[in-house]
Amino acid sequence: LPIWLGLKRREVNVLCLGLDNSGKSTIIDQLKPEHAQTHDIVPTIGFSVEKFSTSSLSFTVFDMSGQGRYRSLWEHYYKDAQAIIFVIDSGDKLRIVVAKEELDTLLNHPDVKHKRIPILFFANKMDLRDALSSV
C-alpha cells in the first residue's frame, strides 16, 4: 500500500471529503480494522479525526463535514494531506452538480494542484435503485 500511494513514510494523513450524507463516516469506519469499527455513525459537525493502523501504515483520517457551512474548512487541511478520498453519493442526482463544483474547487486549489496527491473517487450508494450508472 505505501508504494501504491507513492509514500515513503509509514504515517499517512488522509482527508475524506464529499457533500453531507454522502457516506464519508461510514466508509472510514469500514476502512478501520474490525476491532476498531463502531458502526455508530452520526453526522459530522466540523470535522472528526480517526486514527488506526494496519500492518504497514498508521493512518490519521480527517473526516470533514460536507455541510455547506463547513466546506470552507477543507482547504486548511490540503497542505498536510498525503491522500484524499472524495465521496460522491450516487443516489443524490439533485446535488451531483454541487459535488462536481466542490471537486473542481479542490482540484484547482494550489495546495492540491501542484502536488501529486493520490485521490480516490468513491461512488457510494451504488446499491440504490436510482443510483447514477458508471457511464
N, C-alpha and C. Protein backbone atom coordinates (compact mmCIF):
# COMPACT_ATOMS: atom_id res chain seq x y z
N LEU A 1 0.81 -1.21 0.00
CA LEU A 1 0.00 0.00 0.00
C LEU A 1 0.85 1.27 0.00
N PRO A 2 1.92 1.35 0.79
CA PRO A 2 2.72 2.58 0.75
C PRO A 2 3.28 2.88 -0.64
N ILE A 3 3.70 1.85 -1.35
CA ILE A 3 4.26 2.04 -2.69
C ILE A 3 3.16 2.51 -3.64
N TRP A 4 1.97 1.90 -3.55
CA TRP A 4 0.85 2.28 -4.40
C TRP A 4 0.48 3.73 -4.19
N LEU A 5 0.51 4.19 -2.93
CA LEU A 5 0.20 5.57 -2.63
C LEU A 5 1.36 6.51 -2.92
N GLY A 6 2.51 5.95 -3.29
CA GLY A 6 3.69 6.76 -3.55
C GLY A 6 4.27 7.37 -2.29
N LEU A 7 4.14 6.64 -1.20
CA LEU A 7 4.57 7.17 0.10
C LEU A 7 5.88 6.57 0.54
N LYS A 8 6.69 7.40 1.17
CA LYS A 8 7.94 6.91 1.73
C LYS A 8 7.83 6.77 3.24
N ARG A 9 6.86 7.42 3.83
CA ARG A 9 6.71 7.35 5.27
C ARG A 9 5.64 6.33 5.65
N ARG A 10 5.60 5.99 6.89
CA ARG A 10 4.66 4.99 7.38
C ARG A 10 3.43 5.61 8.05
N GLU A 11 3.44 6.94 8.21
CA GLU A 11 2.30 7.64 8.79
C GLU A 11 1.65 8.48 7.70
N VAL A 12 0.34 8.33 7.53
CA VAL A 12 -0.35 8.94 6.41
C VAL A 12 -1.52 9.79 6.92
N ASN A 13 -1.56 11.05 6.47
CA ASN A 13 -2.71 11.92 6.74
C ASN A 13 -3.63 11.85 5.54
N VAL A 14 -4.88 11.46 5.77
CA VAL A 14 -5.87 11.31 4.71
C VAL A 14 -7.04 12.24 4.97
N LEU A 15 -7.47 12.96 3.94
CA LEU A 15 -8.68 13.77 4.03
C LEU A 15 -9.81 13.00 3.39
N CYS A 16 -10.95 12.94 4.05
CA CYS A 16 -12.14 12.34 3.47
C CYS A 16 -13.15 13.46 3.25
N LEU A 17 -13.43 13.74 1.97
CA LEU A 17 -14.25 14.88 1.57
C LEU A 17 -15.44 14.43 0.76
N GLY A 18 -16.46 15.25 0.72
CA GLY A 18 -17.67 14.99 -0.05
C GLY A 18 -18.82 15.73 0.60
N LEU A 19 -19.93 15.83 -0.11
CA LEU A 19 -21.09 16.52 0.44
C LEU A 19 -21.63 15.78 1.65
N ASP A 20 -22.44 16.50 2.44
CA ASP A 20 -23.07 15.88 3.59
C ASP A 20 -23.95 14.71 3.15
N ASN A 21 -24.00 13.70 3.98
CA ASN A 21 -24.80 12.49 3.76
C ASN A 21 -24.31 11.64 2.59
N SER A 22 -23.07 11.83 2.16
CA SER A 22 -22.54 11.01 1.07
C SER A 22 -22.01 9.67 1.57
N GLY A 23 -21.75 9.56 2.87
CA GLY A 23 -21.29 8.29 3.43
C GLY A 23 -19.84 8.28 3.85
N LYS A 24 -19.25 9.45 4.02
CA LYS A 24 -17.83 9.53 4.38
C LYS A 24 -17.51 8.81 5.69
N SER A 25 -18.28 9.09 6.72
CA SER A 25 -18.00 8.48 8.04
C SER A 25 -18.17 6.97 8.01
N THR A 26 -19.16 6.49 7.27
CA THR A 26 -19.37 5.05 7.15
C THR A 26 -18.20 4.39 6.43
N ILE A 27 -17.71 5.02 5.37
CA ILE A 27 -16.56 4.47 4.64
C ILE A 27 -15.33 4.41 5.54
N ILE A 28 -15.09 5.49 6.27
CA ILE A 28 -13.94 5.50 7.19
C ILE A 28 -14.08 4.39 8.22
N ASP A 29 -15.28 4.21 8.76
CA ASP A 29 -15.49 3.16 9.75
C ASP A 29 -15.17 1.79 9.16
N GLN A 30 -15.53 1.57 7.89
CA GLN A 30 -15.27 0.29 7.24
C GLN A 30 -13.79 0.09 6.91
N LEU A 31 -13.05 1.18 6.76
CA LEU A 31 -11.62 1.07 6.48
C LEU A 31 -10.82 0.68 7.72
N LYS A 32 -11.36 0.97 8.88
CA LYS A 32 -10.66 0.67 10.13
C LYS A 32 -10.62 -0.83 10.36
N PRO A 33 -9.63 -1.31 11.10
CA PRO A 33 -9.62 -2.73 11.47
C PRO A 33 -10.93 -3.08 12.19
N GLU A 34 -11.37 -4.31 12.01
CA GLU A 34 -12.69 -4.70 12.53
C GLU A 34 -12.87 -4.40 14.01
N HIS A 35 -11.83 -4.63 14.80
CA HIS A 35 -11.96 -4.39 16.24
C HIS A 35 -12.13 -2.91 16.58
N ALA A 36 -11.81 -2.01 15.65
CA ALA A 36 -11.90 -0.57 15.90
C ALA A 36 -13.17 0.05 15.31
N GLN A 37 -13.94 -0.74 14.56
CA GLN A 37 -15.15 -0.20 13.93
C GLN A 37 -16.22 0.05 14.99
N THR A 38 -16.98 1.14 14.80
CA THR A 38 -18.01 1.49 15.77
C THR A 38 -19.41 1.20 15.26
N HIS A 39 -19.65 1.34 13.98
CA HIS A 39 -20.96 1.16 13.35
C HIS A 39 -21.99 2.14 13.89
N ASP A 40 -21.58 3.06 14.74
CA ASP A 40 -22.47 4.07 15.31
C ASP A 40 -22.14 5.39 14.63
N ILE A 41 -22.79 5.64 13.50
CA ILE A 41 -22.43 6.78 12.66
C ILE A 41 -23.43 7.92 12.88
N VAL A 42 -22.90 9.10 13.16
CA VAL A 42 -23.73 10.30 13.31
C VAL A 42 -23.15 11.37 12.38
N PRO A 43 -23.98 12.34 11.96
CA PRO A 43 -23.45 13.39 11.08
C PRO A 43 -22.26 14.11 11.72
N THR A 44 -21.26 14.38 10.90
CA THR A 44 -20.05 15.05 11.37
C THR A 44 -20.29 16.56 11.40
N ILE A 45 -19.97 17.16 12.53
CA ILE A 45 -20.04 18.61 12.68
C ILE A 45 -18.60 19.14 12.64
N GLY A 46 -18.31 19.98 11.67
CA GLY A 46 -16.93 20.49 11.53
C GLY A 46 -16.03 19.42 10.94
N PHE A 47 -15.38 18.65 11.81
CA PHE A 47 -14.59 17.51 11.36
C PHE A 47 -14.36 16.60 12.56
N SER A 48 -13.99 15.37 12.25
CA SER A 48 -13.56 14.45 13.31
C SER A 48 -12.28 13.78 12.83
N VAL A 49 -11.52 13.27 13.76
CA VAL A 49 -10.25 12.64 13.44
C VAL A 49 -10.30 11.18 13.89
N GLU A 50 -9.95 10.29 12.99
CA GLU A 50 -9.88 8.86 13.29
C GLU A 50 -8.45 8.41 13.08
N LYS A 51 -7.92 7.69 14.04
CA LYS A 51 -6.56 7.14 13.93
C LYS A 51 -6.65 5.63 14.02
N PHE A 52 -5.96 4.96 13.09
CA PHE A 52 -5.89 3.50 13.12
C PHE A 52 -4.67 3.05 12.33
N SER A 53 -4.30 1.80 12.54
CA SER A 53 -3.09 1.26 11.90
C SER A 53 -3.38 -0.05 11.22
N THR A 54 -2.62 -0.30 10.16
CA THR A 54 -2.57 -1.62 9.53
C THR A 54 -1.18 -2.15 9.82
N SER A 55 -0.84 -3.27 9.23
CA SER A 55 0.48 -3.84 9.49
C SER A 55 1.61 -2.95 8.97
N SER A 56 1.33 -2.14 7.94
CA SER A 56 2.41 -1.35 7.34
C SER A 56 2.25 0.16 7.48
N LEU A 57 1.06 0.64 7.84
CA LEU A 57 0.82 2.08 7.87
C LEU A 57 0.01 2.50 9.10
N SER A 58 0.26 3.73 9.54
CA SER A 58 -0.58 4.37 10.56
C SER A 58 -1.34 5.49 9.87
N PHE A 59 -2.64 5.47 9.99
CA PHE A 59 -3.49 6.45 9.33
C PHE A 59 -4.05 7.46 10.33
N THR A 60 -4.04 8.72 9.93
CA THR A 60 -4.82 9.75 10.59
C THR A 60 -5.78 10.26 9.53
N VAL A 61 -7.07 9.98 9.72
CA VAL A 61 -8.07 10.33 8.72
C VAL A 61 -8.90 11.49 9.25
N PHE A 62 -8.94 12.56 8.48
CA PHE A 62 -9.75 13.72 8.82
C PHE A 62 -11.08 13.59 8.08
N ASP A 63 -12.12 13.30 8.83
CA ASP A 63 -13.47 13.16 8.31
C ASP A 63 -14.10 14.55 8.33
N MET A 64 -14.09 15.19 7.17
CA MET A 64 -14.53 16.59 7.08
C MET A 64 -16.03 16.66 6.80
N SER A 65 -16.73 17.49 7.56
CA SER A 65 -18.16 17.67 7.35
C SER A 65 -18.40 18.17 5.93
N GLY A 66 -19.46 17.65 5.32
CA GLY A 66 -19.81 18.08 3.97
C GLY A 66 -20.91 19.11 3.94
N GLN A 67 -21.38 19.53 5.12
CA GLN A 67 -22.41 20.57 5.16
C GLN A 67 -21.84 21.86 4.59
N GLY A 68 -22.66 22.59 3.86
CA GLY A 68 -22.21 23.80 3.18
C GLY A 68 -21.45 24.77 4.06
N ARG A 69 -21.90 24.95 5.29
CA ARG A 69 -21.26 25.95 6.16
C ARG A 69 -19.88 25.52 6.64
N TYR A 70 -19.54 24.22 6.49
CA TYR A 70 -18.24 23.73 6.94
C TYR A 70 -17.25 23.45 5.81
N ARG A 71 -17.71 23.50 4.57
CA ARG A 71 -16.82 23.15 3.45
C ARG A 71 -15.63 24.09 3.31
N SER A 72 -15.76 25.31 3.80
CA SER A 72 -14.63 26.25 3.73
C SER A 72 -13.47 25.80 4.61
N LEU A 73 -13.71 24.88 5.54
CA LEU A 73 -12.64 24.34 6.38
C LEU A 73 -11.72 23.41 5.59
N TRP A 74 -12.23 22.78 4.56
CA TRP A 74 -11.48 21.76 3.84
C TRP A 74 -10.09 22.25 3.44
N GLU A 75 -10.02 23.43 2.84
CA GLU A 75 -8.75 23.91 2.26
C GLU A 75 -7.64 24.07 3.30
N HIS A 76 -8.00 24.22 4.55
CA HIS A 76 -6.98 24.38 5.60
C HIS A 76 -6.23 23.07 5.88
N TYR A 77 -6.72 21.97 5.34
CA TYR A 77 -6.12 20.66 5.58
C TYR A 77 -5.40 20.10 4.35
N TYR A 78 -5.52 20.75 3.20
CA TYR A 78 -4.92 20.24 1.96
C TYR A 78 -3.40 20.11 2.06
N LYS A 79 -2.76 21.10 2.64
CA LYS A 79 -1.30 21.16 2.64
C LYS A 79 -0.67 19.94 3.32
N ASP A 80 -1.29 19.43 4.37
CA ASP A 80 -0.71 18.32 5.13
C ASP A 80 -1.24 16.95 4.71
N ALA A 81 -2.08 16.91 3.69
CA ALA A 81 -2.67 15.64 3.25
C ALA A 81 -1.71 14.87 2.34
N GLN A 82 -1.59 13.57 2.59
CA GLN A 82 -0.83 12.70 1.69
C GLN A 82 -1.75 11.91 0.76
N ALA A 83 -3.06 11.93 1.06
CA ALA A 83 -4.04 11.25 0.22
C ALA A 83 -5.41 11.87 0.50
N ILE A 84 -6.29 11.79 -0.50
CA ILE A 84 -7.65 12.32 -0.36
C ILE A 84 -8.63 11.25 -0.85
N ILE A 85 -9.71 11.09 -0.09
CA ILE A 85 -10.84 10.27 -0.53
C ILE A 85 -11.98 11.25 -0.79
N PHE A 86 -12.48 11.28 -2.02
CA PHE A 86 -13.61 12.14 -2.35
C PHE A 86 -14.82 11.25 -2.59
N VAL A 87 -15.83 11.42 -1.75
CA VAL A 87 -17.00 10.54 -1.77
C VAL A 87 -18.17 11.24 -2.47
N ILE A 88 -18.78 10.52 -3.40
CA ILE A 88 -19.94 11.03 -4.13
C ILE A 88 -21.12 10.11 -3.82
N ASP A 89 -22.25 10.72 -3.47
CA ASP A 89 -23.48 9.96 -3.23
C ASP A 89 -24.12 9.69 -4.58
N SER A 90 -24.02 8.46 -5.06
CA SER A 90 -24.53 8.10 -6.38
C SER A 90 -26.05 8.18 -6.47
N GLY A 91 -26.71 8.20 -5.34
CA GLY A 91 -28.17 8.27 -5.33
C GLY A 91 -28.71 9.69 -5.26
N ASP A 92 -27.84 10.67 -5.12
CA ASP A 92 -28.26 12.06 -4.96
C ASP A 92 -28.07 12.81 -6.27
N LYS A 93 -28.98 12.56 -7.21
CA LYS A 93 -28.87 13.17 -8.54
C LYS A 93 -29.03 14.69 -8.51
N LEU A 94 -29.79 15.18 -7.54
CA LEU A 94 -30.03 16.62 -7.48
C LEU A 94 -28.78 17.41 -7.10
N ARG A 95 -27.90 16.80 -6.32
CA ARG A 95 -26.72 17.54 -5.85
C ARG A 95 -25.41 17.11 -6.51
N ILE A 96 -25.49 16.33 -7.57
CA ILE A 96 -24.27 15.89 -8.24
C ILE A 96 -23.52 17.11 -8.82
N VAL A 97 -24.26 18.14 -9.23
CA VAL A 97 -23.63 19.35 -9.75
C VAL A 97 -22.86 20.07 -8.64
N VAL A 98 -23.43 20.10 -7.43
CA VAL A 98 -22.75 20.72 -6.29
C VAL A 98 -21.48 19.93 -5.96
N ALA A 99 -21.58 18.60 -6.00
CA ALA A 99 -20.41 17.76 -5.74
C ALA A 99 -19.31 18.04 -6.77
N LYS A 100 -19.70 18.19 -8.03
CA LYS A 100 -18.72 18.49 -9.08
C LYS A 100 -18.07 19.86 -8.84
N GLU A 101 -18.85 20.84 -8.43
CA GLU A 101 -18.29 22.17 -8.15
C GLU A 101 -17.27 22.10 -7.01
N GLU A 102 -17.60 21.34 -5.97
CA GLU A 102 -16.67 21.20 -4.84
C GLU A 102 -15.41 20.45 -5.26
N LEU A 103 -15.58 19.45 -6.12
CA LEU A 103 -14.43 18.70 -6.63
C LEU A 103 -13.54 19.61 -7.48
N ASP A 104 -14.14 20.42 -8.35
CA ASP A 104 -13.37 21.36 -9.17
C ASP A 104 -12.59 22.34 -8.29
N THR A 105 -13.23 22.83 -7.24
CA THR A 105 -12.56 23.74 -6.31
C THR A 105 -11.36 23.06 -5.66
N LEU A 106 -11.56 21.82 -5.23
CA LEU A 106 -10.48 21.03 -4.63
C LEU A 106 -9.32 20.87 -5.60
N LEU A 107 -9.62 20.41 -6.81
CA LEU A 107 -8.57 20.10 -7.78
C LEU A 107 -7.81 21.34 -8.26
N ASN A 108 -8.44 22.50 -8.17
CA ASN A 108 -7.79 23.74 -8.61
C ASN A 108 -7.12 24.51 -7.49
N HIS A 109 -7.22 24.02 -6.27
CA HIS A 109 -6.56 24.69 -5.15
C HIS A 109 -5.05 24.47 -5.27
N PRO A 110 -4.23 25.51 -5.09
CA PRO A 110 -2.78 25.37 -5.26
C PRO A 110 -2.14 24.27 -4.40
N ASP A 111 -2.66 24.06 -3.19
CA ASP A 111 -2.09 23.03 -2.32
C ASP A 111 -2.36 21.62 -2.81
N VAL A 112 -3.30 21.48 -3.75
CA VAL A 112 -3.60 20.17 -4.34
C VAL A 112 -3.07 20.10 -5.76
N LYS A 113 -3.30 21.17 -6.52
CA LYS A 113 -2.96 21.20 -7.94
C LYS A 113 -1.47 20.99 -8.20
N HIS A 114 -0.63 21.51 -7.32
CA HIS A 114 0.81 21.47 -7.55
C HIS A 114 1.50 20.34 -6.80
N LYS A 115 0.73 19.45 -6.20
CA LYS A 115 1.29 18.28 -5.52
C LYS A 115 0.74 17.03 -6.20
N ARG A 116 1.44 15.97 -6.05
CA ARG A 116 0.96 14.70 -6.61
C ARG A 116 0.28 13.90 -5.50
N ILE A 117 -0.89 14.37 -5.09
CA ILE A 117 -1.64 13.71 -4.03
C ILE A 117 -2.55 12.66 -4.67
N PRO A 118 -2.44 11.40 -4.23
CA PRO A 118 -3.38 10.41 -4.74
C PRO A 118 -4.79 10.71 -4.26
N ILE A 119 -5.76 10.63 -5.18
CA ILE A 119 -7.16 10.89 -4.84
C ILE A 119 -7.98 9.67 -5.24
N LEU A 120 -8.71 9.13 -4.28
CA LEU A 120 -9.63 8.03 -4.52
C LEU A 120 -11.02 8.62 -4.66
N PHE A 121 -11.64 8.40 -5.82
CA PHE A 121 -13.02 8.84 -6.03
C PHE A 121 -13.92 7.67 -5.69
N PHE A 122 -14.77 7.86 -4.71
CA PHE A 122 -15.59 6.78 -4.18
C PHE A 122 -17.05 7.06 -4.52
N ALA A 123 -17.60 6.32 -5.48
CA ALA A 123 -19.02 6.45 -5.84
C ALA A 123 -19.81 5.57 -4.88
N ASN A 124 -20.34 6.17 -3.85
CA ASN A 124 -21.01 5.45 -2.77
C ASN A 124 -22.50 5.26 -3.09
N LYS A 125 -23.11 4.32 -2.43
CA LYS A 125 -24.55 4.03 -2.51
C LYS A 125 -24.96 3.55 -3.91
N MET A 126 -24.06 2.85 -4.58
CA MET A 126 -24.37 2.31 -5.91
C MET A 126 -25.43 1.21 -5.84
N ASP A 127 -25.71 0.71 -4.65
CA ASP A 127 -26.70 -0.34 -4.50
C ASP A 127 -28.13 0.21 -4.54
N LEU A 128 -28.30 1.51 -4.47
CA LEU A 128 -29.64 2.09 -4.53
C LEU A 128 -30.20 1.99 -5.94
N ARG A 129 -31.50 1.76 -6.01
CA ARG A 129 -32.16 1.53 -7.30
C ARG A 129 -32.00 2.72 -8.24
N ASP A 130 -32.06 3.92 -7.73
CA ASP A 130 -31.98 5.12 -8.58
C ASP A 130 -30.57 5.71 -8.67
N ALA A 131 -29.57 4.93 -8.30
CA ALA A 131 -28.19 5.44 -8.32
C ALA A 131 -27.75 5.72 -9.76
N LEU A 132 -26.87 6.70 -9.88
CA LEU A 132 -26.30 7.02 -11.19
C LEU A 132 -25.47 5.84 -11.67
N SER A 133 -25.49 5.59 -12.96
CA SER A 133 -24.69 4.50 -13.50
C SER A 133 -23.25 4.96 -13.65
N SER A 134 -22.36 4.02 -13.89
CA SER A 134 -20.94 4.35 -14.03
C SER A 134 -20.62 4.96 -15.39
N VAL A 135 -21.57 4.97 -16.30
CA VAL A 135 -21.33 5.57 -17.62
C VAL A 135 -22.16 6.82 -17.81
